[in-house]
Structures are given as structure tokens and as C-alpha cells.
Amino acid sequence: MSNWVTVSTKVRREVLEKARRYGINVSEVLRKALEEEVMRRENEELIKLLKEASKELRKISEIYGDDFVVRSIRTDRDSR
């Protein structure tokens, strides 16, 4: 079960009145927008980490050769 917290924000009165007029569920829209923003930031962070990992893998490739991973797997399988 998820833990829920209440978050409040201020919006211009006219915006809230228009949202009500259009039948917009303000809580749902705000919840969804926040969830989407968090997901977007998580994706950005993941992309950054993958780029850093890629740089490190290129360094390893430069030191040990492009086929290092293939050779390592082959050596491991042959040792069984």
C-alpha cells in the first residue's frame, strides 16, 4: 500500500474557476503533472549515468581491445 501525503499549491483564482467550468479534476492533473516531471528527471539522470558508463567502457575497450568482453566470456565458458 502506498503512503500518500497532501501537497498544496497556489494558483490564480481565474485559472481554478476555468478548470472547474471545464470539469477538470485539478488534483488528478497536478498529480499526473508531478509524476510525469519526476519520471522525466529520472530519465535524464539515467541517460547521464549511461553516458558516463559508456565513456568508461570506451576506456576499457581502448586499453584491452574491442573484443575484450567476447574474449572474457569465451574464457569463462571454456573454463567450465
PDB file of N, CA and C in Angstrom:
ATOM      1  N   MET A   1       0.847  -1.170   0.000  1.00  0.00           N
ATOM      2  CA  MET A   1       0.000   0.000   0.000  1.00  0.00           C
ATOM      3  C   MET A   1       0.895   1.237   0.000  1.00  0.00           C
ATOM      4  N   SER A   2       0.558   2.209  -0.801  1.00  0.00           N
ATOM      5  CA  SER A   2       1.334   3.438  -0.905  1.00  0.00           C
ATOM      6  C   SER A   2       0.990   4.392   0.216  1.00  0.00           C
ATOM      7  N   ASN A   3       1.978   5.150   0.608  1.00  0.00           N
ATOM      8  CA  ASN A   3       1.739   6.240   1.558  1.00  0.00           C
ATOM      9  C   ASN A   3       1.441   7.493   0.759  1.00  0.00           C
ATOM     10  N   TRP A   4       0.409   8.190   1.146  1.00  0.00           N
ATOM     11  CA  TRP A   4       0.020   9.413   0.460  1.00  0.00           C
ATOM     12  C   TRP A   4       0.266  10.603   1.373  1.00  0.00           C
ATOM     13  N   VAL A   5       0.639  11.723   0.785  1.00  0.00           N
ATOM     14  CA  VAL A   5       0.785  12.972   1.514  1.00  0.00           C
ATOM     15  C   VAL A   5      -0.010  14.036   0.762  1.00  0.00           C
ATOM     16  N   THR A   6      -0.382  15.058   1.466  1.00  0.00           N
ATOM     17  CA  THR A   6      -1.110  16.159   0.851  1.00  0.00           C
ATOM     18  C   THR A   6      -0.115  17.247   0.491  1.00  0.00           C
ATOM     19  N   VAL A   7      -0.212  17.705  -0.742  1.00  0.00           N
ATOM     20  CA  VAL A   7       0.628  18.793  -1.229  1.00  0.00           C
ATOM     21  C   VAL A   7      -0.308  19.898  -1.685  1.00  0.00           C
ATOM     22  N   SER A   8       0.000  21.098  -1.286  1.00  0.00           N
ATOM     23  CA  SER A   8      -0.869  22.197  -1.713  1.00  0.00           C
ATOM     24  C   SER A   8      -0.064  23.183  -2.544  1.00  0.00           C
ATOM     25  N   THR A   9      -0.783  23.923  -3.371  1.00  0.00           N
ATOM     26  CA  THR A   9      -0.151  24.942  -4.207  1.00  0.00           C
ATOM     27  C   THR A   9      -1.142  26.084  -4.404  1.00  0.00           C
ATOM     28  N   LYS A  10      -0.619  27.183  -4.822  1.00  0.00           N
ATOM     29  CA  LYS A  10      -1.480  28.330  -5.099  1.00  0.00           C
ATOM     30  C   LYS A  10      -1.545  28.534  -6.608  1.00  0.00           C
ATOM     31  N   VAL A  11      -2.758  28.807  -7.073  1.00  0.00           N
ATOM     32  CA  VAL A  11      -2.969  29.149  -8.476  1.00  0.00           C
ATOM     33  C   VAL A  11      -3.863  30.383  -8.513  1.00  0.00           C
ATOM     34  N   ARG A  12      -3.816  31.058  -9.633  1.00  0.00           N
ATOM     35  CA  ARG A  12      -4.688  32.221  -9.765  1.00  0.00           C
ATOM     36  C   ARG A  12      -6.146  31.768  -9.723  1.00  0.00           C
ATOM     37  N   ARG A  13      -6.959  32.542  -9.061  1.00  0.00           N
ATOM     38  CA  ARG A  13      -8.376  32.205  -8.889  1.00  0.00           C
ATOM     39  C   ARG A  13      -9.044  31.956 -10.245  1.00  0.00           C
ATOM     40  N   GLU A  14      -8.736  32.797 -11.224  1.00  0.00           N
ATOM     41  CA  GLU A  14      -9.372  32.659 -12.539  1.00  0.00           C
ATOM     42  C   GLU A  14      -9.036  31.317 -13.183  1.00  0.00           C
ATOM     43  N   VAL A  15      -7.827  30.829 -12.953  1.00  0.00           N
ATOM     44  CA  VAL A  15      -7.443  29.529 -13.523  1.00  0.00           C
ATOM     45  C   VAL A  15      -8.258  28.421 -12.872  1.00  0.00           C
ATOM     46  N   LEU A  16      -8.399  28.474 -11.559  1.00  0.00           N
ATOM     47  CA  LEU A  16      -9.192  27.464 -10.858  1.00  0.00           C
ATOM     48  C   LEU A  16     -10.657  27.519 -11.297  1.00  0.00           C
ATOM     49  N   GLU A  17     -11.194  28.715 -11.450  1.00  0.00           N
ATOM     50  CA  GLU A  17     -12.587  28.844 -11.881  1.00  0.00           C
ATOM     51  C   GLU A  17     -12.788  28.266 -13.283  1.00  0.00           C
ATOM     52  N   LYS A  18     -11.843  28.532 -14.176  1.00  0.00           N
ATOM     53  CA  LYS A  18     -11.942  27.972 -15.525  1.00  0.00           C
ATOM     54  C   LYS A  18     -11.821  26.454 -15.483  1.00  0.00           C
ATOM     55  N   ALA A  19     -10.920  25.945 -14.656  1.00  0.00           N
ATOM     56  CA  ALA A  19     -10.760  24.496 -14.541  1.00  0.00           C
ATOM     57  C   ALA A  19     -12.059  23.858 -14.065  1.00  0.00           C
ATOM     58  N   ARG A  20     -12.687  24.463 -13.107  1.00  0.00           N
ATOM     59  CA  ARG A  20     -13.971  23.945 -12.598  1.00  0.00           C
ATOM     60  C   ARG A  20     -15.039  23.996 -13.685  1.00  0.00           C
ATOM     61  N   ARG A  21     -15.040  25.104 -14.443  1.00  0.00           N
ATOM     62  CA  ARG A  21     -16.025  25.267 -15.514  1.00  0.00           C
ATOM     63  C   ARG A  21     -15.879  24.155 -16.561  1.00  0.00           C
ATOM     64  N   TYR A  22     -14.634  23.754 -16.833  1.00  0.00           N
ATOM     65  CA  TYR A  22     -14.381  22.709 -17.820  1.00  0.00           C
ATOM     66  C   TYR A  22     -14.424  21.311 -17.213  1.00  0.00           C
ATOM     67  N   GLY A  23     -14.714  21.223 -15.931  1.00  0.00           N
ATOM     68  CA  GLY A  23     -14.821  19.917 -15.290  1.00  0.00           C
ATOM     69  C   GLY A  23     -13.477  19.226 -15.105  1.00  0.00           C
ATOM     70  N   ILE A  24     -12.439  20.004 -14.989  1.00  0.00           N
ATOM     71  CA  ILE A  24     -11.098  19.444 -14.823  1.00  0.00           C
ATOM     72  C   ILE A  24     -10.896  19.018 -13.378  1.00  0.00           C
ATOM     73  N   ASN A  25     -10.421  17.810 -13.206  1.00  0.00           N
ATOM     74  CA  ASN A  25     -10.086  17.306 -11.880  1.00  0.00           C
ATOM     75  C   ASN A  25      -8.682  17.842 -11.557  1.00  0.00           C
ATOM     76  N   VAL A  26      -8.633  18.935 -10.824  1.00  0.00           N
ATOM     77  CA  VAL A  26      -7.383  19.635 -10.551  1.00  0.00           C
ATOM     78  C   VAL A  26      -6.388  18.724  -9.840  1.00  0.00           C
ATOM     79  N   SER A  27      -6.849  17.988  -8.842  1.00  0.00           N
ATOM     80  CA  SER A  27      -5.957  17.097  -8.101  1.00  0.00           C
ATOM     81  C   SER A  27      -5.306  16.083  -9.032  1.00  0.00           C
ATOM     82  N   GLU A  28      -6.108  15.510  -9.917  1.00  0.00           N
ATOM     83  CA  GLU A  28      -5.582  14.494 -10.835  1.00  0.00           C
ATOM     84  C   GLU A  28      -4.575  15.105 -11.806  1.00  0.00           C
ATOM     85  N   VAL A  29      -4.879  16.291 -12.314  1.00  0.00           N
ATOM     86  CA  VAL A  29      -3.976  16.955 -13.263  1.00  0.00           C
ATOM     87  C   VAL A  29      -2.653  17.284 -12.581  1.00  0.00           C
ATOM     88  N   LEU A  30      -2.709  17.836 -11.368  1.00  0.00           N
ATOM     89  CA  LEU A  30      -1.482  18.175 -10.650  1.00  0.00           C
ATOM     90  C   LEU A  30      -0.683  16.922 -10.304  1.00  0.00           C
ATOM     91  N   ARG A  31      -1.361  15.869  -9.853  1.00  0.00           N
ATOM     92  CA  ARG A  31      -0.695  14.615  -9.513  1.00  0.00           C
ATOM     93  C   ARG A  31       0.018  14.043 -10.738  1.00  0.00           C
ATOM     94  N   LYS A  32      -0.705  14.014 -11.854  1.00  0.00           N
ATOM     95  CA  LYS A  32      -0.145  13.466 -13.089  1.00  0.00           C
ATOM     96  C   LYS A  32       1.034  14.307 -13.583  1.00  0.00           C
ATOM     97  N   ALA A  33       0.912  15.622 -13.519  1.00  0.00           N
ATOM     98  CA  ALA A  33       1.996  16.503 -13.962  1.00  0.00           C
ATOM     99  C   ALA A  33       3.245  16.292 -13.108  1.00  0.00           C
ATOM    100  N   LEU A  34       3.064  16.157 -11.806  1.00  0.00           N
ATOM    101  CA  LEU A  34       4.205  15.941 -10.918  1.00  0.00           C
ATOM    102  C   LEU A  34       4.849  14.591 -11.192  1.00  0.00           C
ATOM    103  N   GLU A  35       4.034  13.559 -11.361  1.00  0.00           N
ATOM    104  CA  GLU A  35       4.569  12.232 -11.665  1.00  0.00           C
ATOM    105  C   GLU A  35       5.342  12.231 -12.978  1.00  0.00           C
ATOM    106  N   GLU A  36       4.811  12.908 -13.996  1.00  0.00           N
ATOM    107  CA  GLU A  36       5.483  12.979 -15.291  1.00  0.00           C
ATOM    108  C   GLU A  36       6.808  13.734 -15.192  1.00  0.00           C
ATOM    109  N   GLU A  37       6.836  14.804 -14.406  1.00  0.00           N
ATOM    110  CA  GLU A  37       8.072  15.569 -14.240  1.00  0.00           C
ATOM    111  C   GLU A  37       9.128  14.750 -13.513  1.00  0.00           C
ATOM    112  N   VAL A  38       8.703  14.024 -12.487  1.00  0.00           N
ATOM    113  CA  VAL A  38       9.646  13.160 -11.764  1.00  0.00           C
ATOM    114  C   VAL A  38      10.202  12.101 -12.715  1.00  0.00           C
ATOM    115  N   MET A  39       9.337  11.502 -13.520  1.00  0.00           N
ATOM    116  CA  MET A  39       9.785  10.485 -14.467  1.00  0.00           C
ATOM    117  C   MET A  39      10.754  11.083 -15.489  1.00  0.00           C
ATOM    118  N   ARG A  40      10.467  12.277 -15.949  1.00  0.00           N
ATOM    119  CA  ARG A  40      11.346  12.947 -16.912  1.00  0.00           C
ATOM    120  C   ARG A  40      12.724  13.175 -16.304  1.00  0.00           C
ATOM    121  N   ARG A  41      12.753  13.622 -15.056  1.00  0.00           N
ATOM    122  CA  ARG A  41      14.031  13.861 -14.373  1.00  0.00           C
ATOM    123  C   ARG A  41      14.787  12.557 -14.141  1.00  0.00           C
ATOM    124  N   GLU A  42      14.055  11.500 -13.780  1.00  0.00           N
ATOM    125  CA  GLU A  42      14.692  10.193 -13.592  1.00  0.00           C
ATOM    126  C   GLU A  42      15.310   9.704 -14.897  1.00  0.00           C
ATOM    127  N   ASN A  43      14.588   9.912 -15.996  1.00  0.00           N
ATOM    128  CA  ASN A  43      15.115   9.525 -17.307  1.00  0.00           C
ATOM    129  C   ASN A  43      16.359  10.322 -17.663  1.00  0.00           C
ATOM    130  N   GLU A  44      16.345  11.614 -17.380  1.00  0.00           N
ATOM    131  CA  GLU A  44      17.530  12.442 -17.627  1.00  0.00           C
ATOM    132  C   GLU A  44      18.717  11.935 -16.823  1.00  0.00           C
ATOM    133  N   GLU A  45      18.478  11.595 -15.558  1.00  0.00           N
ATOM    134  CA  GLU A  45      19.546  11.087 -14.702  1.00  0.00           C
ATOM    135  C   GLU A  45      20.070   9.756 -15.234  1.00  0.00           C
ATOM    136  N   LEU A  46      19.174   8.897 -15.678  1.00  0.00           N
ATOM    137  CA  LEU A  46      19.581   7.606 -16.220  1.00  0.00           C
ATOM    138  C   LEU A  46      20.405   7.782 -17.486  1.00  0.00           C
ATOM    139  N   ILE A  47      19.992   8.687 -18.351  1.00  0.00           N
ATOM    140  CA  ILE A  47      20.746   8.957 -19.574  1.00  0.00           C
ATOM    141  C   ILE A  47      22.143   9.453 -19.229  1.00  0.00           C
ATOM    142  N   LYS A  48      22.241  10.331 -18.244  1.00  0.00           N
ATOM    143  CA  LYS A  48      23.538  10.841 -17.816  1.00  0.00           C
ATOM    144  C   LYS A  48      24.426   9.697 -17.314  1.00  0.00           C
ATOM    145  N   LEU A  49      23.861   8.812 -16.496  1.00  0.00           N
ATOM    146  CA  LEU A  49      24.626   7.677 -15.974  1.00  0.00           C
ATOM    147  C   LEU A  49      25.056   6.730 -17.092  1.00  0.00           C
ATOM    148  N   LEU A  50      24.171   6.512 -18.059  1.00  0.00           N
ATOM    149  CA  LEU A  50      24.523   5.638 -19.183  1.00  0.00           C
ATOM    150  C   LEU A  50      25.632   6.244 -20.033  1.00  0.00           C
ATOM    151  N   LYS A  51      25.608   7.558 -20.216  1.00  0.00           N
ATOM    152  CA  LYS A  51      26.680   8.210 -20.971  1.00  0.00           C
ATOM    153  C   LYS A  51      28.015   8.081 -20.242  1.00  0.00           C
ATOM    154  N   GLU A  52      27.988   8.226 -18.905  1.00  0.00           N
ATOM    155  CA  GLU A  52      29.213   8.075 -18.123  1.00  0.00           C
ATOM    156  C   GLU A  52      29.720   6.639 -18.209  1.00  0.00           C
ATOM    157  N   ALA A  53      28.818   5.674 -18.127  1.00  0.00           N
ATOM    158  CA  ALA A  53      29.204   4.268 -18.228  1.00  0.00           C
ATOM    159  C   ALA A  53      29.788   3.979 -19.604  1.00  0.00           C
ATOM    160  N   SER A  54      29.199   4.568 -20.618  1.00  0.00           N
ATOM    161  CA  SER A  54      29.681   4.369 -21.979  1.00  0.00           C
ATOM    162  C   SER A  54      31.116   4.888 -22.124  1.00  0.00           C
ATOM    163  N   LYS A  55      31.387   6.043 -21.519  1.00  0.00           N
ATOM    164  CA  LYS A  55      32.747   6.594 -21.569  1.00  0.00           C
ATOM    165  C   LYS A  55      33.737   5.642 -20.899  1.00  0.00           C
ATOM    166  N   GLU A  56      33.341   5.088 -19.763  1.00  0.00           N
ATOM    167  CA  GLU A  56      34.222   4.167 -19.047  1.00  0.00           C
ATOM    168  C   GLU A  56      34.438   2.887 -19.850  1.00  0.00           C
ATOM    169  N   LEU A  57      33.395   2.407 -20.495  1.00  0.00           N
ATOM    170  CA  LEU A  57      33.527   1.204 -21.316  1.00  0.00           C
ATOM    171  C   LEU A  57      34.435   1.460 -22.515  1.00  0.00           C
ATOM    172  N   ARG A  58      34.367   2.661 -23.075  1.00  0.00           N
ATOM    173  CA  ARG A  58      35.281   3.005 -24.176  1.00  0.00           C
ATOM    174  C   ARG A  58      36.722   2.996 -23.701  1.00  0.00           C
ATOM    175  N   LYS A  59      36.963   3.488 -22.486  1.00  0.00           N
ATOM    176  CA  LYS A  59      38.318   3.476 -21.938  1.00  0.00           C
ATOM    177  C   LYS A  59      38.828   2.047 -21.801  1.00  0.00           C
ATOM    178  N   ILE A  60      37.961   1.165 -21.294  1.00  0.00           N
ATOM    179  CA  ILE A  60      38.344  -0.241 -21.142  1.00  0.00           C
ATOM    180  C   ILE A  60      38.627  -0.850 -22.503  1.00  0.00           C
ATOM    181  N   SER A  61      37.786  -0.519 -23.466  1.00  0.00           N
ATOM    182  CA  SER A  61      37.968  -1.029 -24.822  1.00  0.00           C
ATOM    183  C   SER A  61      39.296  -0.567 -25.407  1.00  0.00           C
ATOM    184  N   GLU A  62      39.666   0.688 -25.138  1.00  0.00           N
ATOM    185  CA  GLU A  62      40.935   1.202 -25.642  1.00  0.00           C
ATOM    186  C   GLU A  62      42.124   0.496 -25.002  1.00  0.00           C
ATOM    187  N   ILE A  63      42.007   0.156 -23.731  1.00  0.00           N
ATOM    188  CA  ILE A  63      43.102  -0.498 -23.010  1.00  0.00           C
ATOM    189  C   ILE A  63      43.215  -1.973 -23.385  1.00  0.00           C
ATOM    190  N   TYR A  64      42.079  -2.683 -23.377  1.00  0.00           N
ATOM    191  CA  TYR A  64      42.100  -4.140 -23.542  1.00  0.00           C
ATOM    192  C   TYR A  64      41.708  -4.612 -24.933  1.00  0.00           C
ATOM    193  N   GLY A  65      41.271  -3.732 -25.787  1.00  0.00           N
ATOM    194  CA  GLY A  65      40.857  -4.118 -27.133  1.00  0.00           C
ATOM    195  C   GLY A  65      39.349  -4.224 -27.240  1.00  0.00           C
ATOM    196  N   ASP A  66      38.871  -4.083 -28.476  1.00  0.00           N
ATOM    197  CA  ASP A  66      37.432  -4.082 -28.723  1.00  0.00           C
ATOM    198  C   ASP A  66      36.766  -5.416 -28.399  1.00  0.00           C
ATOM    199  N   ASP A  67      37.516  -6.507 -28.484  1.00  0.00           N
ATOM    200  CA  ASP A  67      36.920  -7.817 -28.261  1.00  0.00           C
ATOM    201  C   ASP A  67      37.128  -8.326 -26.838  1.00  0.00           C
ATOM    202  N   PHE A  68      37.424  -7.448 -25.907  1.00  0.00           N
ATOM    203  CA  PHE A  68      37.690  -7.841 -24.520  1.00  0.00           C
ATOM    204  C   PHE A  68      36.525  -8.608 -23.904  1.00  0.00           C
ATOM    205  N   VAL A  69      35.323  -8.093 -24.083  1.00  0.00           N
ATOM    206  CA  VAL A  69      34.151  -8.734 -23.494  1.00  0.00           C
ATOM    207  C   VAL A  69      33.953 -10.118 -24.101  1.00  0.00           C
ATOM    208  N   VAL A  70      34.084 -10.228 -25.408  1.00  0.00           N
ATOM    209  CA  VAL A  70      33.912 -11.512 -26.087  1.00  0.00           C
ATOM    210  C   VAL A  70      34.948 -12.507 -25.585  1.00  0.00           C
ATOM    211  N   ARG A  71      36.196 -12.057 -25.492  1.00  0.00           N
ATOM    212  CA  ARG A  71      37.263 -12.949 -25.003  1.00  0.00           C
ATOM    213  C   ARG A  71      37.011 -13.367 -23.566  1.00  0.00           C
ATOM    214  N   SER A  72      36.537 -12.442 -22.742  1.00  0.00           N
ATOM    215  CA  SER A  72      36.265 -12.762 -21.342  1.00  0.00           C
ATOM    216  C   SER A  72      35.164 -13.805 -21.208  1.00  0.00           C
ATOM    217  N   ILE A  73      34.103 -13.646 -21.975  1.00  0.00           N
ATOM    218  CA  ILE A  73      33.007 -14.607 -21.933  1.00  0.00           C
ATOM    219  C   ILE A  73      33.481 -15.965 -22.426  1.00  0.00           C
ATOM    220  N   ARG A  74      34.240 -15.974 -23.519  1.00  0.00           N
ATOM    221  CA  ARG A  74      34.748 -17.227 -24.067  1.00  0.00           C
ATOM    222  C   ARG A  74      35.644 -17.935 -23.060  1.00  0.00           C
ATOM    223  N   THR A  75      36.534 -17.189 -22.408  1.00  0.00           N
ATOM    224  CA  THR A  75      37.432 -17.762 -21.401  1.00  0.00           C
ATOM    225  C   THR A  75      36.636 -18.363 -20.252  1.00  0.00           C
ATOM    226  N   ASP A  76      35.619 -17.644 -19.820  1.00  0.00           N
ATOM    227  CA  ASP A  76      34.783 -18.128 -18.720  1.00  0.00           C
ATOM    228  C   ASP A  76      34.059 -19.409 -19.126  1.00  0.00           C
ATOM    229  N   ARG A  77      33.490 -19.443 -20.313  1.00  0.00           N
ATOM    230  CA  ARG A  77      32.757 -20.637 -20.761  1.00  0.00           C
ATOM    231  C   ARG A  77      33.704 -21.813 -20.938  1.00  0.00           C
ATOM    232  N   ASP A  78      34.884 -21.558 -21.478  1.00  0.00           N
ATOM    233  CA  ASP A  78      35.835 -22.649 -21.694  1.00  0.00           C
ATOM    234  C   ASP A  78      36.357 -23.232 -20.408  1.00  0.00           C
ATOM    235  N   SER A  79      36.333 -22.452 -19.332  1.00  0.00           N
ATOM    236  CA  SER A  79      36.868 -22.933 -18.050  1.00  0.00           C
ATOM    237  C   SER A  79      35.883 -23.846 -17.320  1.00  0.00           C
ATOM    238  N   ARG A  80      34.687 -23.976 -17.810  1.00  0.00           N
ATOM    239  CA  ARG A  80      33.661 -24.801 -17.134  1.00  0.00           C
ATOM    240  C   ARG A  80      33.784 -26.245 -17.511  1.00  0.00           C
TER     241      ARG A  80
END
